Amino acid sequence: MLDEELQLILDTAEEGMNKAVEHLRTELQSIRAGRAQPSMIENVKVDYYGSRTPITQIASVSAPQPDLLIVQPWDQGALEPIEKGIMEANMGLNPSNDGAIIRVPIPPLSEERRKELAKTARTRGEDAKIAIRNIRRSAKDELKSAQQEYNLPEDGRYRAEEKLQELTDAHTKRVDSLIDRKEKEVMEV
């Protein structure tokens, strides 16, 4: 049985690692994989009345066809800023504005673009792993200082460090499986 202080540090570390994996999951949703999905442009920021605003806060995004996104702004004055924001997002998308809605045709992915997207997914996965390792490092430091501060036995700290490593390994495996799944999805023709 671990001491309360050590268990609290482990719980906090696990929570941080879960957040890193969830952040990766949302990042991967924005990487396009063949068919149009509203999540592809959810992270696009638009200059709207002087502030950078996420597109989802000023418009609804839908995918009525596998190769088309429709962006319906709630304020017609936002049409041009949304169109400009999508183009500036550098996603290879070319939106067209008809005065009421913005149509974003999704071109088919070339083999080169698929490999580029898979590489982007792998890079984001590495970023998540780095975040997980940083959480492990700071939790390990906290365990060491808690053991000294509360005069806890060393074997308790070592058990906590083993559990911390198990948490790290489990979260790293989750990251790897998310990346592998996304790479398969992107490379599928």
C-alpha atoms as a PDB file:
ATOM      1  CA  MET A   1       0.000   0.000   0.000  1.00  0.00           C
ATOM      2  CA  LEU A   2       1.391   3.369  -1.031  1.00  0.00           C
ATOM      3  CA  ASP A   3       1.377   6.375   1.247  1.00  0.00           C
ATOM      4  CA  GLU A   4      -1.357   8.931   0.589  1.00  0.00           C
ATOM      5  CA  GLU A   5       1.104  11.610  -0.565  1.00  0.00           C
ATOM      6  CA  LEU A   6       2.759   9.284  -3.078  1.00  0.00           C
ATOM      7  CA  GLN A   7      -0.590   8.053  -4.398  1.00  0.00           C
ATOM      8  CA  LEU A   8      -1.750  11.645  -4.871  1.00  0.00           C
ATOM      9  CA  ILE A   9       1.359  12.379  -6.968  1.00  0.00           C
ATOM     10  CA  LEU A  10       0.690   9.270  -9.083  1.00  0.00           C
ATOM     11  CA  ASP A  11      -2.970  10.247  -9.583  1.00  0.00           C
ATOM     12  CA  THR A  12      -1.959  13.735 -10.699  1.00  0.00           C
ATOM     13  CA  ALA A  13       0.612  12.277 -13.118  1.00  0.00           C
ATOM     14  CA  GLU A  14      -1.976   9.889 -14.558  1.00  0.00           C
ATOM     15  CA  GLU A  15      -4.416  12.742 -15.048  1.00  0.00           C
ATOM     16  CA  GLY A  16      -1.768  14.748 -16.911  1.00  0.00           C
ATOM     17  CA  MET A  17      -0.894  11.767 -19.116  1.00  0.00           C
ATOM     18  CA  ASN A  18      -4.581  11.222 -19.931  1.00  0.00           C
ATOM     19  CA  LYS A  19      -4.822  14.871 -20.971  1.00  0.00           C
ATOM     20  CA  ALA A  20      -1.791  14.462 -23.246  1.00  0.00           C
ATOM     21  CA  VAL A  21      -3.410  11.449 -24.946  1.00  0.00           C
ATOM     22  CA  GLU A  22      -6.732  13.291 -25.325  1.00  0.00           C
ATOM     23  CA  HIS A  23      -4.968  16.294 -26.801  1.00  0.00           C
ATOM     24  CA  LEU A  24      -3.288  13.993 -29.320  1.00  0.00           C
ATOM     25  CA  ARG A  25      -6.664  12.443 -30.173  1.00  0.00           C
ATOM     26  CA  THR A  26      -8.139  15.863 -31.000  1.00  0.00           C
ATOM     27  CA  GLU A  27      -5.007  16.836 -32.950  1.00  0.00           C
ATOM     28  CA  LEU A  28      -5.284  13.652 -35.027  1.00  0.00           C
ATOM     29  CA  GLN A  29      -8.929  14.363 -35.839  1.00  0.00           C
ATOM     30  CA  SER A  30      -7.851  17.499 -37.665  1.00  0.00           C
ATOM     31  CA  ILE A  31      -5.575  15.451 -39.926  1.00  0.00           C
ATOM     32  CA  ARG A  32      -7.541  14.589 -42.982  1.00  0.00           C
ATOM     33  CA  ALA A  33      -7.926  10.994 -44.091  1.00  0.00           C
ATOM     34  CA  GLY A  34      -9.609  10.782 -47.474  1.00  0.00           C
ATOM     35  CA  ARG A  35     -13.145  11.917 -46.737  1.00  0.00           C
ATOM     36  CA  ALA A  36     -14.396  15.287 -45.606  1.00  0.00           C
ATOM     37  CA  GLN A  37     -15.016  15.663 -41.875  1.00  0.00           C
ATOM     38  CA  PRO A  38     -15.999  18.861 -40.045  1.00  0.00           C
ATOM     39  CA  SER A  39     -13.211  18.195 -37.520  1.00  0.00           C
ATOM     40  CA  MET A  40     -10.681  18.864 -40.307  1.00  0.00           C
ATOM     41  CA  ILE A  41     -11.153  22.621 -39.956  1.00  0.00           C
ATOM     42  CA  GLU A  42     -12.267  22.882 -36.316  1.00  0.00           C
ATOM     43  CA  ASN A  43      -8.838  24.214 -35.309  1.00  0.00           C
ATOM     44  CA  VAL A  44      -8.874  26.971 -37.950  1.00  0.00           C
ATOM     45  CA  LYS A  45      -8.690  30.415 -36.356  1.00  0.00           C
ATOM     46  CA  VAL A  46     -10.448  33.357 -38.013  1.00  0.00           C
ATOM     47  CA  ASP A  47      -9.772  37.092 -37.576  1.00  0.00           C
ATOM     48  CA  TYR A  48     -13.222  38.106 -36.390  1.00  0.00           C
ATOM     49  CA  TYR A  49     -13.701  41.639 -35.081  1.00  0.00           C
ATOM     50  CA  GLY A  50     -10.043  41.925 -34.140  1.00  0.00           C
ATOM     51  CA  SER A  51      -9.590  38.634 -32.310  1.00  0.00           C
ATOM     52  CA  ARG A  52      -8.514  35.147 -33.395  1.00  0.00           C
ATOM     53  CA  THR A  53     -11.672  33.060 -33.032  1.00  0.00           C
ATOM     54  CA  PRO A  54     -12.098  29.307 -33.668  1.00  0.00           C
ATOM     55  CA  ILE A  55     -14.252  28.710 -36.733  1.00  0.00           C
ATOM     56  CA  THR A  56     -16.688  26.596 -34.706  1.00  0.00           C
ATOM     57  CA  GLN A  57     -17.623  29.643 -32.595  1.00  0.00           C
ATOM     58  CA  ILE A  58     -18.777  31.723 -35.555  1.00  0.00           C
ATOM     59  CA  ALA A  59     -20.127  29.139 -38.006  1.00  0.00           C
ATOM     60  CA  SER A  60     -21.521  25.638 -38.341  1.00  0.00           C
ATOM     61  CA  VAL A  61     -19.476  23.163 -40.347  1.00  0.00           C
ATOM     62  CA  SER A  62     -21.013  20.127 -42.050  1.00  0.00           C
ATOM     63  CA  ALA A  63     -19.927  17.472 -44.532  1.00  0.00           C
ATOM     64  CA  PRO A  64     -22.906  16.704 -46.820  1.00  0.00           C
ATOM     65  CA  GLN A  65     -20.683  14.742 -49.243  1.00  0.00           C
ATOM     66  CA  PRO A  66     -17.450  12.785 -48.835  1.00  0.00           C
ATOM     67  CA  ASP A  67     -15.578  15.438 -50.840  1.00  0.00           C
ATOM     68  CA  LEU A  68     -17.197  18.676 -49.618  1.00  0.00           C
ATOM     69  CA  LEU A  69     -17.430  20.759 -46.449  1.00  0.00           C
ATOM     70  CA  ILE A  70     -20.070  23.444 -46.010  1.00  0.00           C
ATOM     71  CA  VAL A  71     -19.378  26.351 -43.646  1.00  0.00           C
ATOM     72  CA  GLN A  72     -22.498  28.324 -42.686  1.00  0.00           C
ATOM     73  CA  PRO A  73     -21.578  31.486 -40.728  1.00  0.00           C
ATOM     74  CA  TRP A  74     -24.061  32.841 -38.226  1.00  0.00           C
ATOM     75  CA  ASP A  75     -23.068  36.372 -39.201  1.00  0.00           C
ATOM     76  CA  GLN A  76     -22.872  37.076 -42.950  1.00  0.00           C
ATOM     77  CA  GLY A  77     -20.110  39.609 -42.242  1.00  0.00           C
ATOM     78  CA  ALA A  78     -17.875  36.696 -41.268  1.00  0.00           C
ATOM     79  CA  LEU A  79     -17.903  35.085 -44.732  1.00  0.00           C
ATOM     80  CA  GLU A  80     -14.702  36.675 -46.021  1.00  0.00           C
ATOM     81  CA  PRO A  81     -12.709  36.334 -42.767  1.00  0.00           C
ATOM     82  CA  ILE A  82     -13.682  32.634 -42.587  1.00  0.00           C
ATOM     83  CA  GLU A  83     -12.679  32.091 -46.204  1.00  0.00           C
ATOM     84  CA  LYS A  84      -9.363  33.861 -45.579  1.00  0.00           C
ATOM     85  CA  GLY A  85      -8.781  31.854 -42.361  1.00  0.00           C
ATOM     86  CA  ILE A  86      -9.287  28.537 -44.174  1.00  0.00           C
ATOM     87  CA  MET A  87      -6.822  29.563 -46.891  1.00  0.00           C
ATOM     88  CA  GLU A  88      -4.267  30.785 -44.324  1.00  0.00           C
ATOM     89  CA  ALA A  89      -4.517  27.489 -42.417  1.00  0.00           C
ATOM     90  CA  ASN A  90      -2.294  26.047 -45.171  1.00  0.00           C
ATOM     91  CA  MET A  91      -4.213  22.787 -45.451  1.00  0.00           C
ATOM     92  CA  GLY A  92      -4.319  22.722 -49.246  1.00  0.00           C
ATOM     93  CA  LEU A  93      -8.009  23.690 -49.252  1.00  0.00           C
ATOM     94  CA  ASN A  94      -9.524  26.236 -51.630  1.00  0.00           C
ATOM     95  CA  PRO A  95     -12.816  27.602 -50.238  1.00  0.00           C
ATOM     96  CA  SER A  96     -15.387  29.354 -52.422  1.00  0.00           C
ATOM     97  CA  ASN A  97     -17.878  31.922 -51.109  1.00  0.00           C
ATOM     98  CA  ASP A  98     -21.296  32.239 -52.778  1.00  0.00           C
ATOM     99  CA  GLY A  99     -22.546  35.107 -50.588  1.00  0.00           C
ATOM    100  CA  ALA A 100     -24.452  32.890 -48.132  1.00  0.00           C
ATOM    101  CA  ILE A 101     -22.238  29.869 -47.401  1.00  0.00           C
ATOM    102  CA  ILE A 102     -18.673  28.752 -47.992  1.00  0.00           C
ATOM    103  CA  ARG A 103     -18.070  25.552 -49.914  1.00  0.00           C
ATOM    104  CA  VAL A 104     -14.769  23.832 -49.263  1.00  0.00           C
ATOM    105  CA  PRO A 105     -14.101  21.110 -51.860  1.00  0.00           C
ATOM    106  CA  ILE A 106     -11.811  18.403 -50.515  1.00  0.00           C
ATOM    107  CA  PRO A 107      -9.417  17.243 -53.242  1.00  0.00           C
ATOM    108  CA  PRO A 108      -8.400  13.589 -53.311  1.00  0.00           C
ATOM    109  CA  LEU A 109      -5.120  12.921 -51.542  1.00  0.00           C
ATOM    110  CA  SER A 110      -2.037  12.171 -53.602  1.00  0.00           C
ATOM    111  CA  GLU A 111       0.380   9.487 -52.418  1.00  0.00           C
ATOM    112  CA  GLU A 112       2.899  12.186 -51.520  1.00  0.00           C
ATOM    113  CA  ARG A 113       0.301  14.102 -49.469  1.00  0.00           C
ATOM    114  CA  ARG A 114      -0.735  10.882 -47.693  1.00  0.00           C
ATOM    115  CA  LYS A 115       2.869  10.260 -46.657  1.00  0.00           C
ATOM    116  CA  GLU A 116       3.170  13.871 -45.513  1.00  0.00           C
ATOM    117  CA  LEU A 117       0.009  13.545 -43.375  1.00  0.00           C
ATOM    118  CA  ALA A 118       1.246  10.257 -41.899  1.00  0.00           C
ATOM    119  CA  LYS A 119       4.527  11.979 -41.011  1.00  0.00           C
ATOM    120  CA  THR A 120       2.587  14.839 -39.392  1.00  0.00           C
ATOM    121  CA  ALA A 121       0.611  12.311 -37.338  1.00  0.00           C
ATOM    122  CA  ARG A 122       3.834  10.611 -36.225  1.00  0.00           C
ATOM    123  CA  THR A 123       5.319  14.010 -35.237  1.00  0.00           C
ATOM    124  CA  ARG A 124       2.268  14.874 -33.142  1.00  0.00           C
ATOM    125  CA  GLY A 125       2.514  11.454 -31.522  1.00  0.00           C
ATOM    126  CA  GLU A 126       6.149  12.119 -30.612  1.00  0.00           C
ATOM    127  CA  ASP A 127       5.095  15.431 -29.074  1.00  0.00           C
ATOM    128  CA  ALA A 128       2.543  13.578 -26.939  1.00  0.00           C
ATOM    129  CA  LYS A 129       5.190  11.056 -25.849  1.00  0.00           C
ATOM    130  CA  ILE A 130       7.517  13.905 -24.881  1.00  0.00           C
ATOM    131  CA  ALA A 131       4.718  15.441 -22.804  1.00  0.00           C
ATOM    132  CA  ILE A 132       4.133  12.086 -21.092  1.00  0.00           C
ATOM    133  CA  ARG A 133       7.852  11.678 -20.331  1.00  0.00           C
ATOM    134  CA  ASN A 134       8.003  15.228 -18.945  1.00  0.00           C
ATOM    135  CA  ILE A 135       5.089  14.415 -16.648  1.00  0.00           C
ATOM    136  CA  ARG A 136       6.909  11.256 -15.531  1.00  0.00           C
ATOM    137  CA  ARG A 137      10.099  13.204 -14.824  1.00  0.00           C
ATOM    138  CA  SER A 138       8.369  15.870 -12.732  1.00  0.00           C
ATOM    139  CA  ALA A 139       6.321  13.223 -10.867  1.00  0.00           C
ATOM    140  CA  LYS A 140       9.514  11.311 -10.119  1.00  0.00           C
ATOM    141  CA  ASP A 141      11.068  14.490  -8.700  1.00  0.00           C
ATOM    142  CA  GLU A 142       7.931  15.077  -6.622  1.00  0.00           C
ATOM    143  CA  LEU A 143       8.063  11.497  -5.316  1.00  0.00           C
ATOM    144  CA  LYS A 144      11.667  11.965  -4.247  1.00  0.00           C
ATOM    145  CA  SER A 145      10.997  15.273  -2.470  1.00  0.00           C
ATOM    146  CA  ALA A 146       7.807  13.904  -0.834  1.00  0.00           C
ATOM    147  CA  GLN A 147       9.727  10.908   0.470  1.00  0.00           C
ATOM    148  CA  GLN A 148      12.330  13.209   2.032  1.00  0.00           C
ATOM    149  CA  GLU A 149       9.832  15.804   3.286  1.00  0.00           C
ATOM    150  CA  TYR A 150       7.488  13.312   4.975  1.00  0.00           C
ATOM    151  CA  ASN A 151      10.315  10.945   5.977  1.00  0.00           C
ATOM    152  CA  LEU A 152       8.714   8.024   4.112  1.00  0.00           C
ATOM    153  CA  PRO A 153      10.438   4.676   3.568  1.00  0.00           C
ATOM    154  CA  GLU A 154      12.522   4.372   0.388  1.00  0.00           C
ATOM    155  CA  ASP A 155      10.867   1.131  -0.710  1.00  0.00           C
ATOM    156  CA  GLY A 156       7.529   2.978  -0.837  1.00  0.00           C
ATOM    157  CA  ARG A 157       9.037   5.537  -3.174  1.00  0.00           C
ATOM    158  CA  TYR A 158      10.505   2.766  -5.349  1.00  0.00           C
ATOM    159  CA  ARG A 159       7.096   1.062  -5.569  1.00  0.00           C
ATOM    160  CA  ALA A 160       5.551   4.396  -6.536  1.00  0.00           C
ATOM    161  CA  GLU A 161       8.238   4.898  -9.200  1.00  0.00           C
ATOM    162  CA  GLU A 162       7.488   1.424 -10.588  1.00  0.00           C
ATOM    163  CA  LYS A 163       3.783   2.292 -10.785  1.00  0.00           C
ATOM    164  CA  LEU A 164       4.713   5.593 -12.436  1.00  0.00           C
ATOM    165  CA  GLN A 165       6.730   3.722 -15.063  1.00  0.00           C
ATOM    166  CA  GLU A 166       3.787   1.351 -15.662  1.00  0.00           C
ATOM    167  CA  LEU A 167       1.516   4.381 -16.184  1.00  0.00           C
ATOM    168  CA  THR A 168       4.041   5.894 -18.595  1.00  0.00           C
ATOM    169  CA  ASP A 169       4.335   2.655 -20.575  1.00  0.00           C
ATOM    170  CA  ALA A 170       0.542   2.261 -20.788  1.00  0.00           C
ATOM    171  CA  HIS A 171       0.025   5.816 -22.024  1.00  0.00           C
ATOM    172  CA  THR A 172       2.880   5.496 -24.519  1.00  0.00           C
ATOM    173  CA  LYS A 173       1.215   2.358 -25.909  1.00  0.00           C
ATOM    174  CA  ARG A 174      -2.081   4.287 -26.251  1.00  0.00           C
ATOM    175  CA  VAL A 175      -0.240   6.996 -28.201  1.00  0.00           C
ATOM    176  CA  ASP A 176       1.368   4.380 -30.457  1.00  0.00           C
ATOM    177  CA  SER A 177      -1.966   2.707 -31.180  1.00  0.00           C
ATOM    178  CA  LEU A 178      -3.607   6.063 -31.988  1.00  0.00           C
ATOM    179  CA  ILE A 179      -0.767   6.920 -34.376  1.00  0.00           C
ATOM    180  CA  ASP A 180      -0.819   3.496 -36.043  1.00  0.00           C
ATOM    181  CA  ARG A 181      -4.578   3.707 -36.528  1.00  0.00           C
ATOM    182  CA  LYS A 182      -4.321   7.206 -38.009  1.00  0.00           C
ATOM    183  CA  GLU A 183      -1.483   6.192 -40.341  1.00  0.00           C
ATOM    184  CA  LYS A 184      -3.527   3.267 -41.663  1.00  0.00           C
ATOM    185  CA  GLU A 185      -6.525   5.557 -42.106  1.00  0.00           C
ATOM    186  CA  VAL A 186      -4.455   8.163 -43.992  1.00  0.00           C
ATOM    187  CA  MET A 187      -2.661   5.654 -46.221  1.00  0.00           C
ATOM    188  CA  GLU A 188      -5.905   3.859 -47.156  1.00  0.00           C
ATOM    189  CA  VAL A 189      -6.880   4.735 -50.735  1.00  0.00           C
END
